[in-house]
Amino acid sequence: MPDATPETHVIDYRAAEQLLAARDPRGAVKLLDSVIAAHPEHTAARLLRARAFFAAAQLRPAELEFELVLEREPDNAFAHFALARTFERSGRPEQAKRHFRLAAALDPNPEYLRAARFDADS
């Protein structure tokens, strides 16, 4: 999109949030692709695209995006939790457990604590 402006990217980002909320993750990914192409350092856009990939059951792209977010923000509890869910859906329970526990350690959110299952055997 040659005449895209920063304002256009903000509009696309907000529209992608709405599409994801309306259960159109593929539409959200399409909008976010141009935002991320123009602003690859925009971690929030990458996190939103990771969530959209996950919602579209595109687990490998979701995993890669969540990992990139965590490289930039290793203390992002939500990204750890979402990556854990991605690993869980991919049939990788040990990797999932590690990230569930990291999420719970970073944020004592009840959902994170339940998923971490600290009371289960280590």
PDB file of N, CA and C in Angstrom:
ATOM      1  N   MET A   1       0.849  -1.170   0.000  1.00  0.00           N
ATOM      2  CA  MET A   1       0.000   0.000   0.000  1.00  0.00           C
ATOM      3  C   MET A   1       0.899   1.238   0.000  1.00  0.00           C
ATOM      4  N   PRO A   2       1.168   1.852  -1.172  1.00  0.00           N
ATOM      5  CA  PRO A   2       2.135   2.931  -1.265  1.00  0.00           C
ATOM      6  C   PRO A   2       1.743   4.198  -0.503  1.00  0.00           C
ATOM      7  N   ASP A   3       0.478   4.505  -0.357  1.00  0.00           N
ATOM      8  CA  ASP A   3       0.087   5.738   0.321  1.00  0.00           C
ATOM      9  C   ASP A   3      -0.330   5.518   1.772  1.00  0.00           C
ATOM     10  N   ALA A   4       0.154   4.436   2.370  1.00  0.00           N
ATOM     11  CA  ALA A   4      -0.142   4.175   3.785  1.00  0.00           C
ATOM     12  C   ALA A   4       0.604   5.191   4.643  1.00  0.00           C
ATOM     13  N   THR A   5      -0.059   5.621   5.697  1.00  0.00           N
ATOM     14  CA  THR A   5       0.528   6.586   6.624  1.00  0.00           C
ATOM     15  C   THR A   5       0.508   5.979   8.018  1.00  0.00           C
ATOM     16  N   PRO A   6       1.206   6.589   8.962  1.00  0.00           N
ATOM     17  CA  PRO A   6       1.111   6.084  10.337  1.00  0.00           C
ATOM     18  C   PRO A   6      -0.337   6.032  10.831  1.00  0.00           C
ATOM     19  N   GLU A   7      -1.139   7.009  10.418  1.00  0.00           N
ATOM     20  CA  GLU A   7      -2.551   7.002  10.813  1.00  0.00           C
ATOM     21  C   GLU A   7      -3.280   5.787  10.234  1.00  0.00           C
ATOM     22  N   THR A   8      -2.957   5.453   8.983  1.00  0.00           N
ATOM     23  CA  THR A   8      -3.558   4.275   8.345  1.00  0.00           C
ATOM     24  C   THR A   8      -3.212   3.022   9.131  1.00  0.00           C
ATOM     25  N   HIS A   9      -1.975   2.943   9.596  1.00  0.00           N
ATOM     26  CA  HIS A   9      -1.561   1.766  10.353  1.00  0.00           C
ATOM     27  C   HIS A   9      -2.286   1.678  11.687  1.00  0.00           C
ATOM     28  N   VAL A  10      -2.510   2.810  12.333  1.00  0.00           N
ATOM     29  CA  VAL A  10      -3.276   2.814  13.585  1.00  0.00           C
ATOM     30  C   VAL A  10      -4.701   2.334  13.314  1.00  0.00           C
ATOM     31  N   ILE A  11      -5.293   2.834  12.241  1.00  0.00           N
ATOM     32  CA  ILE A  11      -6.652   2.420  11.880  1.00  0.00           C
ATOM     33  C   ILE A  11      -6.678   0.917  11.594  1.00  0.00           C
ATOM     34  N   ASP A  12      -5.689   0.419  10.849  1.00  0.00           N
ATOM     35  CA  ASP A  12      -5.623  -1.014  10.544  1.00  0.00           C
ATOM     36  C   ASP A  12      -5.456  -1.849  11.814  1.00  0.00           C
ATOM     37  N   TYR A  13      -4.616  -1.358  12.735  1.00  0.00           N
ATOM     38  CA  TYR A  13      -4.411  -2.073  13.997  1.00  0.00           C
ATOM     39  C   TYR A  13      -5.727  -2.157  14.773  1.00  0.00           C
ATOM     40  N   ARG A  14      -6.422  -1.035  14.900  1.00  0.00           N
ATOM     41  CA  ARG A  14      -7.704  -1.012  15.628  1.00  0.00           C
ATOM     42  C   ARG A  14      -8.745  -1.876  14.931  1.00  0.00           C
ATOM     43  N   ALA A  15      -8.763  -1.844  13.609  1.00  0.00           N
ATOM     44  CA  ALA A  15      -9.697  -2.690  12.858  1.00  0.00           C
ATOM     45  C   ALA A  15      -9.366  -4.165  13.062  1.00  0.00           C
ATOM     46  N   ALA A  16      -8.081  -4.485  13.127  1.00  0.00           N
ATOM     47  CA  ALA A  16      -7.672  -5.878  13.371  1.00  0.00           C
ATOM     48  C   ALA A  16      -8.144  -6.338  14.749  1.00  0.00           C
ATOM     49  N   GLU A  17      -8.049  -5.452  15.749  1.00  0.00           N
ATOM     50  CA  GLU A  17      -8.576  -5.799  17.081  1.00  0.00           C
ATOM     51  C   GLU A  17     -10.061  -6.129  16.995  1.00  0.00           C
ATOM     52  N   GLN A  18     -10.793  -5.326  16.252  1.00  0.00           N
ATOM     53  CA  GLN A  18     -12.234  -5.544  16.106  1.00  0.00           C
ATOM     54  C   GLN A  18     -12.528  -6.845  15.353  1.00  0.00           C
ATOM     55  N   LEU A  19     -11.763  -7.113  14.316  1.00  0.00           N
ATOM     56  CA  LEU A  19     -11.957  -8.363  13.562  1.00  0.00           C
ATOM     57  C   LEU A  19     -11.686  -9.573  14.438  1.00  0.00           C
ATOM     58  N   LEU A  20     -10.639  -9.501  15.248  1.00  0.00           N
ATOM     59  CA  LEU A  20     -10.343 -10.627  16.137  1.00  0.00           C
ATOM     60  C   LEU A  20     -11.474 -10.809  17.143  1.00  0.00           C
ATOM     61  N   ALA A  21     -11.965  -9.715  17.696  1.00  0.00           N
ATOM     62  CA  ALA A  21     -13.092  -9.790  18.638  1.00  0.00           C
ATOM     63  C   ALA A  21     -14.350 -10.338  17.963  1.00  0.00           C
ATOM     64  N   ALA A  22     -14.506 -10.074  16.667  1.00  0.00           N
ATOM     65  CA  ALA A  22     -15.657 -10.552  15.904  1.00  0.00           C
ATOM     66  C   ALA A  22     -15.426 -11.945  15.319  1.00  0.00           C
ATOM     67  N   ARG A  23     -14.354 -12.590  15.760  1.00  0.00           N
ATOM     68  CA  ARG A  23     -14.018 -13.953  15.336  1.00  0.00           C
ATOM     69  C   ARG A  23     -13.680 -14.066  13.843  1.00  0.00           C
ATOM     70  N   ASP A  24     -12.933 -13.086  13.370  1.00  0.00           N
ATOM     71  CA  ASP A  24     -12.397 -13.133  12.012  1.00  0.00           C
ATOM     72  C   ASP A  24     -10.876 -12.997  12.097  1.00  0.00           C
ATOM     73  N   PRO A  25     -10.213 -14.030  12.628  1.00  0.00           N
ATOM     74  CA  PRO A  25      -8.769 -13.914  12.823  1.00  0.00           C
ATOM     75  C   PRO A  25      -7.981 -13.794  11.519  1.00  0.00           C
ATOM     76  N   ARG A  26      -8.450 -14.422  10.460  1.00  0.00           N
ATOM     77  CA  ARG A  26      -7.719 -14.327   9.191  1.00  0.00           C
ATOM     78  C   ARG A  26      -7.763 -12.900   8.636  1.00  0.00           C
ATOM     79  N   GLY A  27      -8.899 -12.243   8.794  1.00  0.00           N
ATOM     80  CA  GLY A  27      -9.003 -10.842   8.392  1.00  0.00           C
ATOM     81  C   GLY A  27      -8.074  -9.972   9.213  1.00  0.00           C
ATOM     82  N   ALA A  28      -7.977 -10.281  10.506  1.00  0.00           N
ATOM     83  CA  ALA A  28      -7.076  -9.529  11.390  1.00  0.00           C
ATOM     84  C   ALA A  28      -5.630  -9.699  10.948  1.00  0.00           C
ATOM     85  N   VAL A  29      -5.243 -10.927  10.627  1.00  0.00           N
ATOM     86  CA  VAL A  29      -3.859 -11.181  10.181  1.00  0.00           C
ATOM     87  C   VAL A  29      -3.553 -10.370   8.929  1.00  0.00           C
ATOM     88  N   LYS A  30      -4.488 -10.347   7.984  1.00  0.00           N
ATOM     89  CA  LYS A  30      -4.251  -9.592   6.735  1.00  0.00           C
ATOM     90  C   LYS A  30      -3.990  -8.118   7.018  1.00  0.00           C
ATOM     91  N   LEU A  31      -4.783  -7.524   7.894  1.00  0.00           N
ATOM     92  CA  LEU A  31      -4.564  -6.113   8.230  1.00  0.00           C
ATOM     93  C   LEU A  31      -3.232  -5.910   8.945  1.00  0.00           C
ATOM     94  N   LEU A  32      -2.905  -6.817   9.837  1.00  0.00           N
ATOM     95  CA  LEU A  32      -1.685  -6.665  10.628  1.00  0.00           C
ATOM     96  C   LEU A  32      -0.420  -6.893   9.814  1.00  0.00           C
ATOM     97  N   ASP A  33      -0.510  -7.674   8.745  1.00  0.00           N
ATOM     98  CA  ASP A  33       0.670  -7.906   7.909  1.00  0.00           C
ATOM     99  C   ASP A  33       1.261  -6.586   7.417  1.00  0.00           C
ATOM    100  N   SER A  34       0.407  -5.664   6.954  1.00  0.00           N
ATOM    101  CA  SER A  34       0.929  -4.394   6.444  1.00  0.00           C
ATOM    102  C   SER A  34       1.443  -3.504   7.577  1.00  0.00           C
ATOM    103  N   VAL A  35       0.779  -3.567   8.733  1.00  0.00           N
ATOM    104  CA  VAL A  35       1.231  -2.783   9.884  1.00  0.00           C
ATOM    105  C   VAL A  35       2.625  -3.249  10.305  1.00  0.00           C
ATOM    106  N   ILE A  36       2.810  -4.559  10.383  1.00  0.00           N
ATOM    107  CA  ILE A  36       4.095  -5.116  10.830  1.00  0.00           C
ATOM    108  C   ILE A  36       5.174  -4.929   9.764  1.00  0.00           C
ATOM    109  N   ALA A  37       4.788  -4.989   8.494  1.00  0.00           N
ATOM    110  CA  ALA A  37       5.772  -4.731   7.435  1.00  0.00           C
ATOM    111  C   ALA A  37       6.322  -3.310   7.561  1.00  0.00           C
ATOM    112  N   ALA A  38       5.465  -2.378   7.920  1.00  0.00           N
ATOM    113  CA  ALA A  38       5.895  -0.981   8.062  1.00  0.00           C
ATOM    114  C   ALA A  38       6.560  -0.715   9.409  1.00  0.00           C
ATOM    115  N   HIS A  39       6.158  -1.474  10.437  1.00  0.00           N
ATOM    116  CA  HIS A  39       6.663  -1.249  11.801  1.00  0.00           C
ATOM    117  C   HIS A  39       7.023  -2.594  12.444  1.00  0.00           C
ATOM    118  N   PRO A  40       8.091  -3.239  11.984  1.00  0.00           N
ATOM    119  CA  PRO A  40       8.420  -4.579  12.505  1.00  0.00           C
ATOM    120  C   PRO A  40       8.734  -4.591  13.996  1.00  0.00           C
ATOM    121  N   GLU A  41       9.077  -3.434  14.550  1.00  0.00           N
ATOM    122  CA  GLU A  41       9.407  -3.364  15.976  1.00  0.00           C
ATOM    123  C   GLU A  41       8.162  -3.221  16.856  1.00  0.00           C
ATOM    124  N   HIS A  42       6.998  -3.097  16.266  1.00  0.00           N
ATOM    125  CA  HIS A  42       5.757  -2.852  17.013  1.00  0.00           C
ATOM    126  C   HIS A  42       5.298  -4.149  17.694  1.00  0.00           C
ATOM    127  N   THR A  43       5.683  -4.302  18.943  1.00  0.00           N
ATOM    128  CA  THR A  43       5.431  -5.547  19.677  1.00  0.00           C
ATOM    129  C   THR A  43       3.942  -5.796  19.887  1.00  0.00           C
ATOM    130  N   ALA A  44       3.166  -4.760  20.138  1.00  0.00           N
ATOM    131  CA  ALA A  44       1.726  -4.953  20.350  1.00  0.00           C
ATOM    132  C   ALA A  44       1.062  -5.506  19.096  1.00  0.00           C
ATOM    133  N   ALA A  45       1.477  -5.047  17.934  1.00  0.00           N
ATOM    134  CA  ALA A  45       0.918  -5.566  16.679  1.00  0.00           C
ATOM    135  C   ALA A  45       1.306  -7.030  16.497  1.00  0.00           C
ATOM    136  N   ARG A  46       2.527  -7.367  16.865  1.00  0.00           N
ATOM    137  CA  ARG A  46       2.961  -8.774  16.763  1.00  0.00           C
ATOM    138  C   ARG A  46       2.181  -9.664  17.729  1.00  0.00           C
ATOM    139  N   LEU A  47       1.925  -9.156  18.923  1.00  0.00           N
ATOM    140  CA  LEU A  47       1.149  -9.927  19.893  1.00  0.00           C
ATOM    141  C   LEU A  47      -0.277 -10.132  19.393  1.00  0.00           C
ATOM    142  N   LEU A  48      -0.855  -9.100  18.822  1.00  0.00           N
ATOM    143  CA  LEU A  48      -2.203  -9.224  18.270  1.00  0.00           C
ATOM    144  C   LEU A  48      -2.211 -10.212  17.108  1.00  0.00           C
ATOM    145  N   ARG A  49      -1.185 -10.150  16.247  1.00  0.00           N
ATOM    146  CA  ARG A  49      -1.121 -11.103  15.132  1.00  0.00           C
ATOM    147  C   ARG A  49      -0.921 -12.523  15.648  1.00  0.00           C
ATOM    148  N   ALA A  50      -0.132 -12.698  16.689  1.00  0.00           N
ATOM    149  CA  ALA A  50       0.043 -14.033  17.283  1.00  0.00           C
ATOM    150  C   ALA A  50      -1.298 -14.567  17.775  1.00  0.00           C
ATOM    151  N   ARG A  51      -2.064 -13.713  18.451  1.00  0.00           N
ATOM    152  CA  ARG A  51      -3.387 -14.121  18.937  1.00  0.00           C
ATOM    153  C   ARG A  51      -4.303 -14.498  17.769  1.00  0.00           C
ATOM    154  N   ALA A  52      -4.221 -13.727  16.677  1.00  0.00           N
ATOM    155  CA  ALA A  52      -5.040 -14.023  15.501  1.00  0.00           C
ATOM    156  C   ALA A  52      -4.626 -15.351  14.868  1.00  0.00           C
ATOM    157  N   PHE A  53      -3.317 -15.596  14.760  1.00  0.00           N
ATOM    158  CA  PHE A  53      -2.855 -16.886  14.236  1.00  0.00           C
ATOM    159  C   PHE A  53      -3.381 -18.026  15.110  1.00  0.00           C
ATOM    160  N   PHE A  54      -3.292 -17.852  16.425  1.00  0.00           N
ATOM    161  CA  PHE A  54      -3.774 -18.883  17.342  1.00  0.00           C
ATOM    162  C   PHE A  54      -5.265 -19.127  17.132  1.00  0.00           C
ATOM    163  N   ALA A  55      -6.029 -18.062  17.037  1.00  0.00           N
ATOM    164  CA  ALA A  55      -7.476 -18.189  16.851  1.00  0.00           C
ATOM    165  C   ALA A  55      -7.819 -18.849  15.523  1.00  0.00           C
ATOM    166  N   ALA A  56      -6.950 -18.698  14.532  1.00  0.00           N
ATOM    167  CA  ALA A  56      -7.154 -19.313  13.224  1.00  0.00           C
ATOM    168  C   ALA A  56      -6.557 -20.722  13.161  1.00  0.00           C
ATOM    169  N   ALA A  57      -6.075 -21.220  14.298  1.00  0.00           N
ATOM    170  CA  ALA A  57      -5.440 -22.541  14.396  1.00  0.00           C
ATOM    171  C   ALA A  57      -4.197 -22.647  13.519  1.00  0.00           C
ATOM    172  N   GLN A  58      -3.527 -21.540  13.313  1.00  0.00           N
ATOM    173  CA  GLN A  58      -2.234 -21.533  12.615  1.00  0.00           C
ATOM    174  C   GLN A  58      -1.167 -21.516  13.705  1.00  0.00           C
ATOM    175  N   LEU A  59      -0.927 -22.694  14.268  1.00  0.00           N
ATOM    176  CA  LEU A  59      -0.148 -22.789  15.495  1.00  0.00           C
ATOM    177  C   LEU A  59       1.328 -22.463  15.316  1.00  0.00           C
ATOM    178  N   ARG A  60       1.932 -22.882  14.237  1.00  0.00           N
ATOM    179  CA  ARG A  60       3.361 -22.590  14.052  1.00  0.00           C
ATOM    180  C   ARG A  60       3.602 -21.085  13.898  1.00  0.00           C
ATOM    181  N   PRO A  61       2.848 -20.381  13.049  1.00  0.00           N
ATOM    182  CA  PRO A  61       3.037 -18.928  12.998  1.00  0.00           C
ATOM    183  C   PRO A  61       2.734 -18.255  14.338  1.00  0.00           C
ATOM    184  N   ALA A  62       1.738 -18.742  15.055  1.00  0.00           N
ATOM    185  CA  ALA A  62       1.429 -18.179  16.376  1.00  0.00           C
ATOM    186  C   ALA A  62       2.617 -18.362  17.310  1.00  0.00           C
ATOM    187  N   GLU A  63       3.166 -19.561  17.320  1.00  0.00           N
ATOM    188  CA  GLU A  63       4.327 -19.856  18.172  1.00  0.00           C
ATOM    189  C   GLU A  63       5.482 -18.908  17.860  1.00  0.00           C
ATOM    190  N   LEU A  64       5.782 -18.727  16.596  1.00  0.00           N
ATOM    191  CA  LEU A  64       6.897 -17.852  16.201  1.00  0.00           C
ATOM    192  C   LEU A  64       6.665 -16.409  16.633  1.00  0.00           C
ATOM    193  N   GLU A  65       5.445 -15.929  16.486  1.00  0.00           N
ATOM    194  CA  GLU A  65       5.143 -14.550  16.900  1.00  0.00           C
ATOM    195  C   GLU A  65       5.210 -14.402  18.418  1.00  0.00           C
ATOM    196  N   PHE A  66       4.625 -15.358  19.156  1.00  0.00           N
ATOM    197  CA  PHE A  66       4.692 -15.274  20.622  1.00  0.00           C
ATOM    198  C   PHE A  66       6.144 -15.303  21.090  1.00  0.00           C
ATOM    199  N   GLU A  67       6.968 -16.147  20.466  1.00  0.00           N
ATOM    200  CA  GLU A  67       8.380 -16.207  20.846  1.00  0.00           C
ATOM    201  C   GLU A  67       9.096 -14.895  20.556  1.00  0.00           C
ATOM    202  N   LEU A  68       8.764 -14.263  19.441  1.00  0.00           N
ATOM    203  CA  LEU A  68       9.384 -12.982  19.118  1.00  0.00           C
ATOM    204  C   LEU A  68       8.982 -11.929  20.156  1.00  0.00           C
ATOM    205  N   VAL A  69       7.717 -11.926  20.541  1.00  0.00           N
ATOM    206  CA  VAL A  69       7.264 -10.996  21.578  1.00  0.00           C
ATOM    207  C   VAL A  69       8.053 -11.238  22.865  1.00  0.00           C
ATOM    208  N   LEU A  70       8.247 -12.512  23.221  1.00  0.00           N
ATOM    209  CA  LEU A  70       8.953 -12.832  24.462  1.00  0.00           C
ATOM    210  C   LEU A  70      10.444 -12.510  24.390  1.00  0.00           C
ATOM    211  N   GLU A  71      11.027 -12.538  23.207  1.00  0.00           N
ATOM    212  CA  GLU A  71      12.415 -12.089  23.069  1.00  0.00           C
ATOM    213  C   GLU A  71      12.516 -10.614  23.445  1.00  0.00           C
ATOM    214  N   ARG A  72      11.517  -9.855  23.062  1.00  0.00           N
ATOM    215  CA  ARG A  72      11.501  -8.410  23.326  1.00  0.00           C
ATOM    216  C   ARG A  72      10.994  -8.078  24.719  1.00  0.00           C
ATOM    217  N   GLU A  73      10.044  -8.868  25.202  1.00  0.00           N
ATOM    218  CA  GLU A  73       9.421  -8.619  26.502  1.00  0.00           C
ATOM    219  C   GLU A  73       9.362  -9.917  27.302  1.00  0.00           C
ATOM    220  N   PRO A  74      10.504 -10.357  27.844  1.00  0.00           N
ATOM    221  CA  PRO A  74      10.529 -11.650  28.539  1.00  0.00           C
ATOM    222  C   PRO A  74       9.642 -11.708  29.780  1.00  0.00           C
ATOM    223  N   ASP A  75       9.196 -10.551  30.264  1.00  0.00           N
ATOM    224  CA  ASP A  75       8.328 -10.540  31.442  1.00  0.00           C
ATOM    225  C   ASP A  75       6.847 -10.377  31.081  1.00  0.00           C
ATOM    226  N   ASN A  76       6.496 -10.628  29.832  1.00  0.00           N
ATOM    227  CA  ASN A  76       5.108 -10.512  29.384  1.00  0.00           C
ATOM    228  C   ASN A  76       4.366 -11.802  29.753  1.00  0.00           C
ATOM    229  N   ALA A  77       3.655 -11.761  30.860  1.00  0.00           N
ATOM    230  CA  ALA A  77       2.966 -12.952  31.368  1.00  0.00           C
ATOM    231  C   ALA A  77       1.938 -13.468  30.370  1.00  0.00           C
ATOM    232  N   PHE A  78       1.186 -12.559  29.747  1.00  0.00           N
ATOM    233  CA  PHE A  78       0.183 -13.014  28.787  1.00  0.00           C
ATOM    234  C   PHE A  78       0.828 -13.763  27.628  1.00  0.00           C
ATOM    235  N   ALA A  79       1.944 -13.266  27.115  1.00  0.00           N
ATOM    236  CA  ALA A  79       2.618 -13.932  25.990  1.00  0.00           C
ATOM    237  C   ALA A  79       3.098 -15.326  26.399  1.00  0.00           C
ATOM    238  N   HIS A  80       3.595 -15.463  27.632  1.00  0.00           N
ATOM    239  CA  HIS A  80       3.981 -16.801  28.113  1.00  0.00           C
ATOM    240  C   HIS A  80       2.764 -17.718  28.169  1.00  0.00           C
ATOM    241  N   PHE A  81       1.661 -17.200  28.714  1.00  0.00           N
ATOM    242  CA  PHE A  81       0.442 -17.991  28.827  1.00  0.00           C
ATOM    243  C   PHE A  81      -0.070 -18.408  27.444  1.00  0.00           C
ATOM    244  N   ALA A  82      -0.107 -17.461  26.519  1.00  0.00           N
ATOM    245  CA  ALA A  82      -0.605 -17.766  25.178  1.00  0.00           C
ATOM    246  C   ALA A  82       0.326 -18.731  24.440  1.00  0.00           C
ATOM    247  N   LEU A  83       1.642 -18.583  24.626  1.00  0.00           N
ATOM    248  CA  LEU A  83       2.573 -19.531  24.024  1.00  0.00           C
ATOM    249  C   LEU A  83       2.363 -20.916  24.621  1.00  0.00           C
ATOM    250  N   ALA A  84       2.116 -20.968  25.914  1.00  0.00           N
ATOM    251  CA  ALA A  84       1.837 -22.258  26.554  1.00  0.00           C
ATOM    252  C   ALA A  84       0.594 -22.903  25.953  1.00  0.00           C
ATOM    253  N   ARG A  85      -0.454 -22.127  25.750  1.00  0.00           N
ATOM    254  CA  ARG A  85      -1.680 -22.655  25.121  1.00  0.00           C
ATOM    255  C   ARG A  85      -1.378 -23.160  23.710  1.00  0.00           C
ATOM    256  N   THR A  86      -0.508 -22.450  23.011  1.00  0.00           N
ATOM    257  CA  THR A  86      -0.118 -22.863  21.662  1.00  0.00           C
ATOM    258  C   THR A  86       0.609 -24.207  21.715  1.00  0.00           C
ATOM    259  N   PHE A  87       1.557 -24.331  22.640  1.00  0.00           N
ATOM    260  CA  PHE A  87       2.261 -25.608  22.793  1.00  0.00           C
ATOM    261  C   PHE A  87       1.285 -26.715  23.191  1.00  0.00           C
ATOM    262  N   GLU A  88       0.366 -26.399  24.074  1.00  0.00           N
ATOM    263  CA  GLU A  88      -0.632 -27.378  24.519  1.00  0.00           C
ATOM    264  C   GLU A  88      -1.445 -27.890  23.325  1.00  0.00           C
ATOM    265  N   ARG A  89      -1.914 -26.976  22.491  1.00  0.00           N
ATOM    266  CA  ARG A  89      -2.695 -27.372  21.305  1.00  0.00           C
ATOM    267  C   ARG A  89      -1.843 -28.132  20.295  1.00  0.00           C
ATOM    268  N   SER A  90      -0.532 -27.912  20.327  1.00  0.00           N
ATOM    269  CA  SER A  90       0.385 -28.592  19.404  1.00  0.00           C
ATOM    270  C   SER A  90       0.833 -29.947  19.938  1.00  0.00           C
ATOM    271  N   GLY A  91       0.327 -30.338  21.116  1.00  0.00           N
ATOM    272  CA  GLY A  91       0.714 -31.631  21.693  1.00  0.00           C
ATOM    273  C   GLY A  91       2.099 -31.620  22.304  1.00  0.00           C
ATOM    274  N   ARG A  92       2.519 -30.497  22.874  1.00  0.00           N
ATOM    275  CA  ARG A  92       3.848 -30.381  23.491  1.00  0.00           C
ATOM    276  C   ARG A  92       3.676 -29.959  24.950  1.00  0.00           C
ATOM    277  N   PRO A  93       3.204 -30.880  25.796  1.00  0.00           N
ATOM    278  CA  PRO A  93       2.843 -30.529  27.174  1.00  0.00           C
ATOM    279  C   PRO A  93       4.001 -30.050  28.041  1.00  0.00           C
ATOM    280  N   GLU A  94       5.189 -30.559  27.858  1.00  0.00           N
ATOM    281  CA  GLU A  94       6.305 -30.129  28.704  1.00  0.00           C
ATOM    282  C   GLU A  94       6.678 -28.678  28.422  1.00  0.00           C
ATOM    283  N   GLN A  95       6.702 -28.305  27.150  1.00  0.00           N
ATOM    284  CA  GLN A  95       6.979 -26.908  26.813  1.00  0.00           C
ATOM    285  C   GLN A  95       5.845 -26.022  27.317  1.00  0.00           C
ATOM    286  N   ALA A  96       4.621 -26.507  27.208  1.00  0.00           N
ATOM    287  CA  ALA A  96       3.472 -25.745  27.698  1.00  0.00           C
ATOM    288  C   ALA A  96       3.584 -25.512  29.197  1.00  0.00           C
ATOM    289  N   LYS A  97       3.916 -26.553  29.938  1.00  0.00           N
ATOM    290  CA  LYS A  97       4.005 -26.440  31.403  1.00  0.00           C
ATOM    291  C   LYS A  97       5.015 -25.370  31.814  1.00  0.00           C
ATOM    292  N   ARG A  98       6.144 -25.351  31.149  1.00  0.00           N
ATOM    293  CA  ARG A  98       7.178 -24.357  31.469  1.00  0.00           C
ATOM    294  C   ARG A  98       6.638 -22.939  31.319  1.00  0.00           C
ATOM    295  N   HIS A  99       5.936 -22.672  30.229  1.00  0.00           N
ATOM    296  CA  HIS A  99       5.439 -21.316  29.988  1.00  0.00           C
ATOM    297  C   HIS A  99       4.214 -20.992  30.838  1.00  0.00           C
ATOM    298  N   PHE A 100       3.389 -21.984  31.150  1.00  0.00           N
ATOM    299  CA  PHE A 100       2.293 -21.741  32.094  1.00  0.00           C
ATOM    300  C   PHE A 100       2.865 -21.297  33.441  1.00  0.00           C
ATOM    301  N   ARG A 101       3.923 -21.959  33.866  1.00  0.00           N
ATOM    302  CA  ARG A 101       4.523 -21.632  35.158  1.00  0.00           C
ATOM    303  C   ARG A 101       5.217 -20.278  35.141  1.00  0.00           C
ATOM    304  N   LEU A 102       5.853 -19.953  34.047  1.00  0.00           N
ATOM    305  CA  LEU A 102       6.454 -18.621  33.932  1.00  0.00           C
ATOM    306  C   LEU A 102       5.372 -17.540  33.974  1.00  0.00           C
ATOM    307  N   ALA A 103       4.271 -17.763  33.270  1.00  0.00           N
ATOM    308  CA  ALA A 103       3.171 -16.790  33.282  1.00  0.00           C
ATOM    309  C   ALA A 103       2.652 -16.588  34.702  1.00  0.00           C
ATOM    310  N   ALA A 104       2.442 -17.679  35.421  1.00  0.00           N
ATOM    311  CA  ALA A 104       1.921 -17.595  36.788  1.00  0.00           C
ATOM    312  C   ALA A 104       2.914 -16.936  37.735  1.00  0.00           C
ATOM    313  N   ALA A 105       4.200 -17.182  37.508  1.00  0.00           N
ATOM    314  CA  ALA A 105       5.214 -16.560  38.361  1.00  0.00           C
ATOM    315  C   ALA A 105       5.285 -15.046  38.117  1.00  0.00           C
ATOM    316  N   LEU A 106       5.042 -14.633  36.890  1.00  0.00           N
ATOM    317  CA  LEU A 106       5.087 -13.212  36.552  1.00  0.00           C
ATOM    318  C   LEU A 106       3.816 -12.474  36.945  1.00  0.00           C
ATOM    319  N   ASP A 107       2.691 -13.191  36.940  1.00  0.00           N
ATOM    320  CA  ASP A 107       1.394 -12.564  37.222  1.00  0.00           C
ATOM    321  C   ASP A 107       0.515 -13.607  37.903  1.00  0.00           C
ATOM    322  N   PRO A 108       0.121 -13.362  39.154  1.00  0.00           N
ATOM    323  CA  PRO A 108      -0.686 -14.356  39.867  1.00  0.00           C
ATOM    324  C   PRO A 108      -2.162 -14.371  39.439  1.00  0.00           C
ATOM    325  N   ASN A 109      -2.408 -14.120  38.181  1.00  0.00           N
ATOM    326  CA  ASN A 109      -3.749 -14.199  37.610  1.00  0.00           C
ATOM    327  C   ASN A 109      -4.299 -15.602  37.902  1.00  0.00           C
ATOM    328  N   PRO A 110      -5.532 -15.717  38.422  1.00  0.00           N
ATOM    329  CA  PRO A 110      -6.078 -17.038  38.764  1.00  0.00           C
ATOM    330  C   PRO A 110      -6.062 -18.031  37.591  1.00  0.00           C
ATOM    331  N   GLU A 111      -6.315 -17.537  36.376  1.00  0.00           N
ATOM    332  CA  GLU A 111      -6.290 -18.431  35.215  1.00  0.00           C
ATOM    333  C   GLU A 111      -4.878 -18.970  34.975  1.00  0.00           C
ATOM    334  N   TYR A 112      -3.871 -18.122  35.147  1.00  0.00           N
ATOM    335  CA  TYR A 112      -2.487 -18.546  34.963  1.00  0.00           C
ATOM    336  C   TYR A 112      -2.100 -19.551  36.049  1.00  0.00           C
ATOM    337  N   LEU A 113      -2.516 -19.271  37.280  1.00  0.00           N
ATOM    338  CA  LEU A 113      -2.191 -20.175  38.396  1.00  0.00           C
ATOM    339  C   LEU A 113      -2.829 -21.549  38.197  1.00  0.00           C
ATOM    340  N   ARG A 114      -4.091 -21.583  37.756  1.00  0.00           N
ATOM    341  CA  ARG A 114      -4.761 -22.872  37.497  1.00  0.00           C
ATOM    342  C   ARG A 114      -4.016 -23.656  36.416  1.00  0.00           C
ATOM    343  N   ALA A 115      -3.659 -22.962  35.343  1.00  0.00           N
ATOM    344  CA  ALA A 115      -2.987 -23.633  34.227  1.00  0.00           C
ATOM    345  C   ALA A 115      -1.601 -24.136  34.631  1.00  0.00           C
ATOM    346  N   ALA A 116      -0.936 -23.415  35.536  1.00  0.00           N
ATOM    347  CA  ALA A 116       0.413 -23.789  35.955  1.00  0.00           C
ATOM    348  C   ALA A 116       0.415 -25.066  36.789  1.00  0.00           C
ATOM    349  N   ARG A 117      -0.690 -25.339  37.462  1.00  0.00           N
ATOM    350  CA  ARG A 117      -0.837 -26.565  38.286  1.00  0.00           C
ATOM    351  C   ARG A 117       0.374 -26.787  39.174  1.00  0.00           C
ATOM    352  N   PHE A 118       0.714 -25.773  39.966  1.00  0.00           N
ATOM    353  CA  PHE A 118       1.843 -25.900  40.886  1.00  0.00           C
ATOM    354  C   PHE A 118       1.614 -26.994  41.907  1.00  0.00           C
ATOM    355  N   ASP A 119       0.357 -27.318  42.176  1.00  0.00           N
ATOM    356  CA  ASP A 119       0.065 -28.359  43.164  1.00  0.00           C
ATOM    357  C   ASP A 119       0.276 -29.763  42.596  1.00  0.00           C
ATOM    358  N   ALA A 120       0.385 -29.888  41.275  1.00  0.00           N
ATOM    359  CA  ALA A 120       0.637 -31.191  40.661  1.00  0.00           C
ATOM    360  C   ALA A 120       2.117 -31.522  40.794  1.00  0.00           C
ATOM    361  N   ASP A 121       2.437 -32.759  40.547  1.00  0.00           N
ATOM    362  CA  ASP A 121       3.850 -33.160  40.675  1.00  0.00           C
ATOM    363  C   ASP A 121       4.680 -32.439  39.623  1.00  0.00           C
ATOM    364  N   SER A 122       5.877 -32.063  40.007  1.00  0.00           N
ATOM    365  CA  SER A 122       6.756 -31.292  39.130  1.00  0.00           C
ATOM    366  C   SER A 122       7.349 -32.188  38.142  1.00  0.00           C
TER     367      SER A 122
END
